[in-house]
Amino acid sequence: MLSIKVLGPGCANCRKLEEVAREAVAATGVEAEIAKVTDMQQIIAYDVLKTPGLVINDKLVSSGRIPTPASVAEWIRAAA
């Protein structure tokens, strides 16, 4: 099972990124657990300078923007 983390304090962009991640998971049919990380110390540990950040299997794949569902789906497939 994939581990997907949405990094951010809970802003509108963070919520949008979580929606995009859920959409991508549904589109790929991959089993994944999506967690929200709001603790700044944990976010900084992933070297995220701008939120929202997206981590798949402990690898930072995006930060400071909201990627398209298609991009996230590609990253999920690559990690699966």
PDB file of N, CA and C in Angstrom:
ATOM      1  N   MET A   1       0.839  -1.191   0.000  1.00  0.00           N
ATOM      2  CA  MET A   1       0.000   0.000   0.000  1.00  0.00           C
ATOM      3  C   MET A   1       0.879   1.247   0.000  1.00  0.00           C
ATOM      4  N   LEU A   2       0.527   2.197  -0.854  1.00  0.00           N
ATOM      5  CA  LEU A   2       1.282   3.444  -0.948  1.00  0.00           C
ATOM      6  C   LEU A   2       0.976   4.357   0.232  1.00  0.00           C
ATOM      7  N   SER A   3       1.970   5.116   0.608  1.00  0.00           N
ATOM      8  CA  SER A   3       1.789   6.127   1.643  1.00  0.00           C
ATOM      9  C   SER A   3       1.869   7.490   0.964  1.00  0.00           C
ATOM     10  N   ILE A   4       0.780   8.249   1.050  1.00  0.00           N
ATOM     11  CA  ILE A   4       0.743   9.578   0.450  1.00  0.00           C
ATOM     12  C   ILE A   4       0.501  10.590   1.561  1.00  0.00           C
ATOM     13  N   LYS A   5       1.333  11.629   1.579  1.00  0.00           N
ATOM     14  CA  LYS A   5       1.179  12.661   2.603  1.00  0.00           C
ATOM     15  C   LYS A   5       1.008  14.018   1.947  1.00  0.00           C
ATOM     16  N   VAL A   6       0.015  14.751   2.439  1.00  0.00           N
ATOM     17  CA  VAL A   6      -0.207  16.125   2.003  1.00  0.00           C
ATOM     18  C   VAL A   6       0.357  17.012   3.111  1.00  0.00           C
ATOM     19  N   LEU A   7       1.359  17.806   2.776  1.00  0.00           N
ATOM     20  CA  LEU A   7       2.028  18.640   3.768  1.00  0.00           C
ATOM     21  C   LEU A   7       1.519  20.065   3.681  1.00  0.00           C
ATOM     22  N   GLY A   8       1.077  20.590   4.813  1.00  0.00           N
ATOM     23  CA  GLY A   8       0.632  21.980   4.841  1.00  0.00           C
ATOM     24  C   GLY A   8      -0.181  22.270   6.082  1.00  0.00           C
ATOM     25  N   PRO A   9      -0.331  23.554   6.394  1.00  0.00           N
ATOM     26  CA  PRO A   9      -1.011  23.946   7.629  1.00  0.00           C
ATOM     27  C   PRO A   9      -2.533  23.799   7.589  1.00  0.00           C
ATOM     28  N   GLY A  10      -3.078  23.393   6.440  1.00  0.00           N
ATOM     29  CA  GLY A  10      -4.533  23.251   6.352  1.00  0.00           C
ATOM     30  C   GLY A  10      -5.178  24.356   5.547  1.00  0.00           C
ATOM     31  N   CYS A  11      -4.386  25.041   4.731  1.00  0.00           N
ATOM     32  CA  CYS A  11      -4.903  26.135   3.904  1.00  0.00           C
ATOM     33  C   CYS A  11      -5.759  25.590   2.762  1.00  0.00           C
ATOM     34  N   ALA A  12      -6.378  26.486   2.022  1.00  0.00           N
ATOM     35  CA  ALA A  12      -7.242  26.087   0.905  1.00  0.00           C
ATOM     36  C   ALA A  12      -6.465  25.270  -0.130  1.00  0.00           C
ATOM     37  N   ASN A  13      -5.226  25.667  -0.420  1.00  0.00           N
ATOM     38  CA  ASN A  13      -4.418  24.929  -1.390  1.00  0.00           C
ATOM     39  C   ASN A  13      -4.089  23.526  -0.897  1.00  0.00           C
ATOM     40  N   CYS A  14      -3.896  23.394   0.414  1.00  0.00           N
ATOM     41  CA  CYS A  14      -3.604  22.077   0.996  1.00  0.00           C
ATOM     42  C   CYS A  14      -4.823  21.167   0.833  1.00  0.00           C
ATOM     43  N   ARG A  15      -5.998  21.724   1.087  1.00  0.00           N
ATOM     44  CA  ARG A  15      -7.232  20.933   0.931  1.00  0.00           C
ATOM     45  C   ARG A  15      -7.442  20.550  -0.524  1.00  0.00           C
ATOM     46  N   LYS A  16      -7.143  21.482  -1.431  1.00  0.00           N
ATOM     47  CA  LYS A  16      -7.286  21.210  -2.871  1.00  0.00           C
ATOM     48  C   LYS A  16      -6.315  20.097  -3.287  1.00  0.00           C
ATOM     49  N   LEU A  17      -5.093  20.156  -2.777  1.00  0.00           N
ATOM     50  CA  LEU A  17      -4.097  19.129  -3.107  1.00  0.00           C
ATOM     51  C   LEU A  17      -4.550  17.764  -2.605  1.00  0.00           C
ATOM     52  N   GLU A  18      -5.161  17.734  -1.426  1.00  0.00           N
ATOM     53  CA  GLU A  18      -5.663  16.460  -0.902  1.00  0.00           C
ATOM     54  C   GLU A  18      -6.757  15.909  -1.829  1.00  0.00           C
ATOM     55  N   GLU A  19      -7.640  16.777  -2.312  1.00  0.00           N
ATOM     56  CA  GLU A  19      -8.685  16.357  -3.255  1.00  0.00           C
ATOM     57  C   GLU A  19      -8.065  15.779  -4.523  1.00  0.00           C
ATOM     58  N   VAL A  20      -7.048  16.480  -5.050  1.00  0.00           N
ATOM     59  CA  VAL A  20      -6.367  16.032  -6.266  1.00  0.00           C
ATOM     60  C   VAL A  20      -5.726  14.662  -6.028  1.00  0.00           C
ATOM     61  N   ALA A  21      -5.105  14.487  -4.867  1.00  0.00           N
ATOM     62  CA  ALA A  21      -4.465  13.206  -4.544  1.00  0.00           C
ATOM     63  C   ALA A  21      -5.498  12.083  -4.465  1.00  0.00           C
ATOM     64  N   ARG A  22      -6.632  12.361  -3.817  1.00  0.00           N
ATOM     65  CA  ARG A  22      -7.696  11.344  -3.726  1.00  0.00           C
ATOM     66  C   ARG A  22      -8.242  10.983  -5.117  1.00  0.00           C
ATOM     67  N   GLU A  23      -8.387  11.999  -5.954  1.00  0.00           N
ATOM     68  CA  GLU A  23      -8.863  11.797  -7.319  1.00  0.00           C
ATOM     69  C   GLU A  23      -7.882  10.902  -8.098  1.00  0.00           C
ATOM     70  N   ALA A  24      -6.601  11.184  -7.944  1.00  0.00           N
ATOM     71  CA  ALA A  24      -5.569  10.421  -8.650  1.00  0.00           C
ATOM     72  C   ALA A  24      -5.520   8.974  -8.163  1.00  0.00           C
ATOM     73  N   VAL A  25      -5.683   8.779  -6.862  1.00  0.00           N
ATOM     74  CA  VAL A  25      -5.695   7.424  -6.294  1.00  0.00           C
ATOM     75  C   VAL A  25      -6.888   6.651  -6.871  1.00  0.00           C
ATOM     76  N   ALA A  26      -8.039   7.294  -6.910  1.00  0.00           N
ATOM     77  CA  ALA A  26      -9.240   6.652  -7.456  1.00  0.00           C
ATOM     78  C   ALA A  26      -9.037   6.303  -8.931  1.00  0.00           C
ATOM     79  N   ALA A  27      -8.398   7.217  -9.679  1.00  0.00           N
ATOM     80  CA  ALA A  27      -8.185   7.004 -11.109  1.00  0.00           C
ATOM     81  C   ALA A  27      -7.224   5.846 -11.388  1.00  0.00           C
ATOM     82  N   THR A  28      -6.235   5.666 -10.526  1.00  0.00           N
ATOM     83  CA  THR A  28      -5.232   4.617 -10.752  1.00  0.00           C
ATOM     84  C   THR A  28      -5.667   3.278 -10.183  1.00  0.00           C
ATOM     85  N   GLY A  29      -6.577   3.315  -9.206  1.00  0.00           N
ATOM     86  CA  GLY A  29      -7.017   2.075  -8.581  1.00  0.00           C
ATOM     87  C   GLY A  29      -5.974   1.478  -7.643  1.00  0.00           C
ATOM     88  N   VAL A  30      -4.948   2.260  -7.333  1.00  0.00           N
ATOM     89  CA  VAL A  30      -3.890   1.803  -6.432  1.00  0.00           C
ATOM     90  C   VAL A  30      -4.360   1.980  -4.987  1.00  0.00           C
ATOM     91  N   GLU A  31      -4.037   1.018  -4.156  1.00  0.00           N
ATOM     92  CA  GLU A  31      -4.412   1.138  -2.742  1.00  0.00           C
ATOM     93  C   GLU A  31      -3.421   2.084  -2.070  1.00  0.00           C
ATOM     94  N   ALA A  32      -3.935   3.118  -1.462  1.00  0.00           N
ATOM     95  CA  ALA A  32      -3.071   4.118  -0.849  1.00  0.00           C
ATOM     96  C   ALA A  32      -3.718   4.695   0.389  1.00  0.00           C
ATOM     97  N   GLU A  33      -2.861   5.090   1.309  1.00  0.00           N
ATOM     98  CA  GLU A  33      -3.313   5.748   2.527  1.00  0.00           C
ATOM     99  C   GLU A  33      -2.897   7.209   2.406  1.00  0.00           C
ATOM    100  N   ILE A  34      -3.877   8.106   2.529  1.00  0.00           N
ATOM    101  CA  ILE A  34      -3.580   9.538   2.417  1.00  0.00           C
ATOM    102  C   ILE A  34      -3.648  10.168   3.799  1.00  0.00           C
ATOM    103  N   ALA A  35      -2.548  10.808   4.178  1.00  0.00           N
ATOM    104  CA  ALA A  35      -2.488  11.450   5.489  1.00  0.00           C
ATOM    105  C   ALA A  35      -2.181  12.925   5.303  1.00  0.00           C
ATOM    106  N   LYS A  36      -2.709  13.750   6.216  1.00  0.00           N
ATOM    107  CA  LYS A  36      -2.403  15.173   6.209  1.00  0.00           C
ATOM    108  C   LYS A  36      -1.357  15.417   7.292  1.00  0.00           C
ATOM    109  N   VAL A  37      -0.323  16.148   6.929  1.00  0.00           N
ATOM    110  CA  VAL A  37       0.723  16.499   7.889  1.00  0.00           C
ATOM    111  C   VAL A  37       0.673  18.011   8.076  1.00  0.00           C
ATOM    112  N   THR A  38       0.307  18.441   9.284  1.00  0.00           N
ATOM    113  CA  THR A  38       0.186  19.874   9.547  1.00  0.00           C
ATOM    114  C   THR A  38       1.288  20.388  10.474  1.00  0.00           C
ATOM    115  N   ASP A  39       2.065  19.474  11.048  1.00  0.00           N
ATOM    116  CA  ASP A  39       3.127  19.865  11.980  1.00  0.00           C
ATOM    117  C   ASP A  39       4.307  20.462  11.200  1.00  0.00           C
ATOM    118  N   MET A  40       4.634  21.726  11.489  1.00  0.00           N
ATOM    119  CA  MET A  40       5.688  22.410  10.735  1.00  0.00           C
ATOM    120  C   MET A  40       7.039  21.709  10.830  1.00  0.00           C
ATOM    121  N   GLN A  41       7.366  21.120  11.969  1.00  0.00           N
ATOM    122  CA  GLN A  41       8.645  20.415  12.102  1.00  0.00           C
ATOM    123  C   GLN A  41       8.722  19.244  11.119  1.00  0.00           C
ATOM    124  N   GLN A  42       7.615  18.505  10.994  1.00  0.00           N
ATOM    125  CA  GLN A  42       7.589  17.376  10.057  1.00  0.00           C
ATOM    126  C   GLN A  42       7.648  17.874   8.612  1.00  0.00           C
ATOM    127  N   ILE A  43       6.948  18.960   8.331  1.00  0.00           N
ATOM    128  CA  ILE A  43       6.954  19.518   6.980  1.00  0.00           C
ATOM    129  C   ILE A  43       8.367  19.961   6.603  1.00  0.00           C
ATOM    130  N   ILE A  44       9.041  20.662   7.514  1.00  0.00           N
ATOM    131  CA  ILE A  44      10.405  21.137   7.277  1.00  0.00           C
ATOM    132  C   ILE A  44      11.361  19.954   7.076  1.00  0.00           C
ATOM    133  N   ALA A  45      11.089  18.853   7.757  1.00  0.00           N
ATOM    134  CA  ALA A  45      11.938  17.657   7.634  1.00  0.00           C
ATOM    135  C   ALA A  45      11.945  17.115   6.200  1.00  0.00           C
ATOM    136  N   TYR A  46      10.895  17.409   5.440  1.00  0.00           N
ATOM    137  CA  TYR A  46      10.843  16.970   4.040  1.00  0.00           C
ATOM    138  C   TYR A  46      11.436  18.024   3.092  1.00  0.00           C
ATOM    139  N   ASP A  47      12.086  19.062   3.658  1.00  0.00           N
ATOM    140  CA  ASP A  47      12.680  20.137   2.860  1.00  0.00           C
ATOM    141  C   ASP A  47      11.658  20.904   2.032  1.00  0.00           C
ATOM    142  N   VAL A  48      10.454  21.050   2.563  1.00  0.00           N
ATOM    143  CA  VAL A  48       9.427  21.822   1.871  1.00  0.00           C
ATOM    144  C   VAL A  48       9.585  23.285   2.269  1.00  0.00           C
ATOM    145  N   LEU A  49       9.835  24.129   1.278  1.00  0.00           N
ATOM    146  CA  LEU A  49       9.988  25.553   1.546  1.00  0.00           C
ATOM    147  C   LEU A  49       8.661  26.281   1.374  1.00  0.00           C
ATOM    148  N   LYS A  50       7.829  25.776   0.459  1.00  0.00           N
ATOM    149  CA  LYS A  50       6.502  26.358   0.240  1.00  0.00           C
ATOM    150  C   LYS A  50       5.474  25.247   0.243  1.00  0.00           C
ATOM    151  N   THR A  51       4.387  25.459   0.978  1.00  0.00           N
ATOM    152  CA  THR A  51       3.323  24.469   0.979  1.00  0.00           C
ATOM    153  C   THR A  51       2.333  24.823  -0.128  1.00  0.00           C
ATOM    154  N   PRO A  52       1.511  23.909  -0.589  1.00  0.00           N
ATOM    155  CA  PRO A  52       1.409  22.539  -0.101  1.00  0.00           C
ATOM    156  C   PRO A  52       2.490  21.643  -0.693  1.00  0.00           C
ATOM    157  N   GLY A  53       2.788  20.588   0.035  1.00  0.00           N
ATOM    158  CA  GLY A  53       3.754  19.614  -0.444  1.00  0.00           C
ATOM    159  C   GLY A  53       3.078  18.262  -0.586  1.00  0.00           C
ATOM    160  N   LEU A  54       3.592  17.450  -1.504  1.00  0.00           N
ATOM    161  CA  LEU A  54       3.050  16.111  -1.698  1.00  0.00           C
ATOM    162  C   LEU A  54       4.186  15.114  -1.605  1.00  0.00           C
ATOM    163  N   VAL A  55       4.003  14.120  -0.724  1.00  0.00           N
ATOM    164  CA  VAL A  55       5.011  13.091  -0.498  1.00  0.00           C
ATOM    165  C   VAL A  55       4.387  11.742  -0.821  1.00  0.00           C
ATOM    166  N   ILE A  56       5.066  10.964  -1.664  1.00  0.00           N
ATOM    167  CA  ILE A  56       4.603   9.609  -1.970  1.00  0.00           C
ATOM    168  C   ILE A  56       5.705   8.652  -1.538  1.00  0.00           C
ATOM    169  N   ASN A  57       5.345   7.725  -0.649  1.00  0.00           N
ATOM    170  CA  ASN A  57       6.324   6.771  -0.101  1.00  0.00           C
ATOM    171  C   ASN A  57       7.582   7.483   0.400  1.00  0.00           C
ATOM    172  N   ASP A  58       7.393   8.523   1.203  1.00  0.00           N
ATOM    173  CA  ASP A  58       8.475   9.295   1.820  1.00  0.00           C
ATOM    174  C   ASP A  58       9.377  10.026   0.838  1.00  0.00           C
ATOM    175  N   LYS A  59       8.925  10.212  -0.408  1.00  0.00           N
ATOM    176  CA  LYS A  59       9.699  10.972  -1.391  1.00  0.00           C
ATOM    177  C   LYS A  59       8.884  12.204  -1.774  1.00  0.00           C
ATOM    178  N   LEU A  60       9.486  13.382  -1.589  1.00  0.00           N
ATOM    179  CA  LEU A  60       8.813  14.628  -1.952  1.00  0.00           C
ATOM    180  C   LEU A  60       8.719  14.717  -3.470  1.00  0.00           C
ATOM    181  N   VAL A  61       7.488  14.801  -3.999  1.00  0.00           N
ATOM    182  CA  VAL A  61       7.309  14.869  -5.446  1.00  0.00           C
ATOM    183  C   VAL A  61       6.836  16.246  -5.918  1.00  0.00           C
ATOM    184  N   SER A  62       6.306  17.048  -5.001  1.00  0.00           N
ATOM    185  CA  SER A  62       5.805  18.362  -5.394  1.00  0.00           C
ATOM    186  C   SER A  62       5.764  19.272  -4.181  1.00  0.00           C
ATOM    187  N   SER A  63       6.073  20.555  -4.400  1.00  0.00           N
ATOM    188  CA  SER A  63       5.885  21.525  -3.313  1.00  0.00           C
ATOM    189  C   SER A  63       5.638  22.910  -3.896  1.00  0.00           C
ATOM    190  N   GLY A  64       4.837  23.690  -3.174  1.00  0.00           N
ATOM    191  CA  GLY A  64       4.570  25.068  -3.562  1.00  0.00           C
ATOM    192  C   GLY A  64       3.584  25.231  -4.700  1.00  0.00           C
ATOM    193  N   ARG A  65       2.928  24.138  -5.107  1.00  0.00           N
ATOM    194  CA  ARG A  65       1.952  24.251  -6.194  1.00  0.00           C
ATOM    195  C   ARG A  65       0.954  23.106  -6.084  1.00  0.00           C
ATOM    196  N   ILE A  66      -0.095  23.184  -6.909  1.00  0.00           N
ATOM    197  CA  ILE A  66      -1.066  22.099  -6.960  1.00  0.00           C
ATOM    198  C   ILE A  66      -0.903  21.425  -8.322  1.00  0.00           C
ATOM    199  N   PRO A  67      -0.325  20.227  -8.341  1.00  0.00           N
ATOM    200  CA  PRO A  67      -0.147  19.537  -9.616  1.00  0.00           C
ATOM    201  C   PRO A  67      -1.487  19.042 -10.163  1.00  0.00           C
ATOM    202  N   THR A  68      -1.528  18.689 -11.425  1.00  0.00           N
ATOM    203  CA  THR A  68      -2.762  18.177 -12.023  1.00  0.00           C
ATOM    204  C   THR A  68      -3.005  16.756 -11.535  1.00  0.00           C
ATOM    205  N   PRO A  69      -4.267  16.320 -11.524  1.00  0.00           N
ATOM    206  CA  PRO A  69      -4.547  14.928 -11.141  1.00  0.00           C
ATOM    207  C   PRO A  69      -3.776  13.937 -12.014  1.00  0.00           C
ATOM    208  N   ALA A  70      -3.583  14.276 -13.301  1.00  0.00           N
ATOM    209  CA  ALA A  70      -2.842  13.385 -14.202  1.00  0.00           C
ATOM    210  C   ALA A  70      -1.385  13.240 -13.767  1.00  0.00           C
ATOM    211  N   SER A  71      -0.768  14.332 -13.348  1.00  0.00           N
ATOM    212  CA  SER A  71       0.633  14.275 -12.865  1.00  0.00           C
ATOM    213  C   SER A  71       0.721  13.420 -11.614  1.00  0.00           C
ATOM    214  N   VAL A  72      -0.207  13.651 -10.684  1.00  0.00           N
ATOM    215  CA  VAL A  72      -0.193  12.880  -9.431  1.00  0.00           C
ATOM    216  C   VAL A  72      -0.417  11.398  -9.741  1.00  0.00           C
ATOM    217  N   ALA A  73      -1.320  11.096 -10.675  1.00  0.00           N
ATOM    218  CA  ALA A  73      -1.583   9.700 -11.051  1.00  0.00           C
ATOM    219  C   ALA A  73      -0.311   9.050 -11.602  1.00  0.00           C
ATOM    220  N   GLU A  74       0.465   9.801 -12.411  1.00  0.00           N
ATOM    221  CA  GLU A  74       1.724   9.274 -12.954  1.00  0.00           C
ATOM    222  C   GLU A  74       2.699   8.950 -11.826  1.00  0.00           C
ATOM    223  N   TRP A  75       2.816   9.872 -10.847  1.00  0.00           N
ATOM    224  CA  TRP A  75       3.718   9.639  -9.724  1.00  0.00           C
ATOM    225  C   TRP A  75       3.287   8.430  -8.917  1.00  0.00           C
ATOM    226  N   ILE A  76       1.976   8.264  -8.755  1.00  0.00           N
ATOM    227  CA  ILE A  76       1.450   7.117  -8.002  1.00  0.00           C
ATOM    228  C   ILE A  76       1.794   5.829  -8.739  1.00  0.00           C
ATOM    229  N   ARG A  77       1.575   5.820 -10.061  1.00  0.00           N
ATOM    230  CA  ARG A  77       1.902   4.623 -10.846  1.00  0.00           C
ATOM    231  C   ARG A  77       3.381   4.304 -10.750  1.00  0.00           C
ATOM    232  N   ALA A  78       4.225   5.320 -10.833  1.00  0.00           N
ATOM    233  CA  ALA A  78       5.678   5.129 -10.772  1.00  0.00           C
ATOM    234  C   ALA A  78       6.092   4.560  -9.417  1.00  0.00           C
ATOM    235  N   ALA A  79       5.400   4.967  -8.364  1.00  0.00           N
ATOM    236  CA  ALA A  79       5.768   4.530  -7.007  1.00  0.00           C
ATOM    237  C   ALA A  79       5.176   3.163  -6.657  1.00  0.00           C
ATOM    238  N   ALA A  80       4.095   2.786  -7.346  1.00  0.00           N
ATOM    239  CA  ALA A  80       3.385   1.530  -7.008  1.00  0.00           C
ATOM    240  C   ALA A  80       4.182   0.295  -7.410  1.00  0.00           C
TER     241      ALA A  80
END
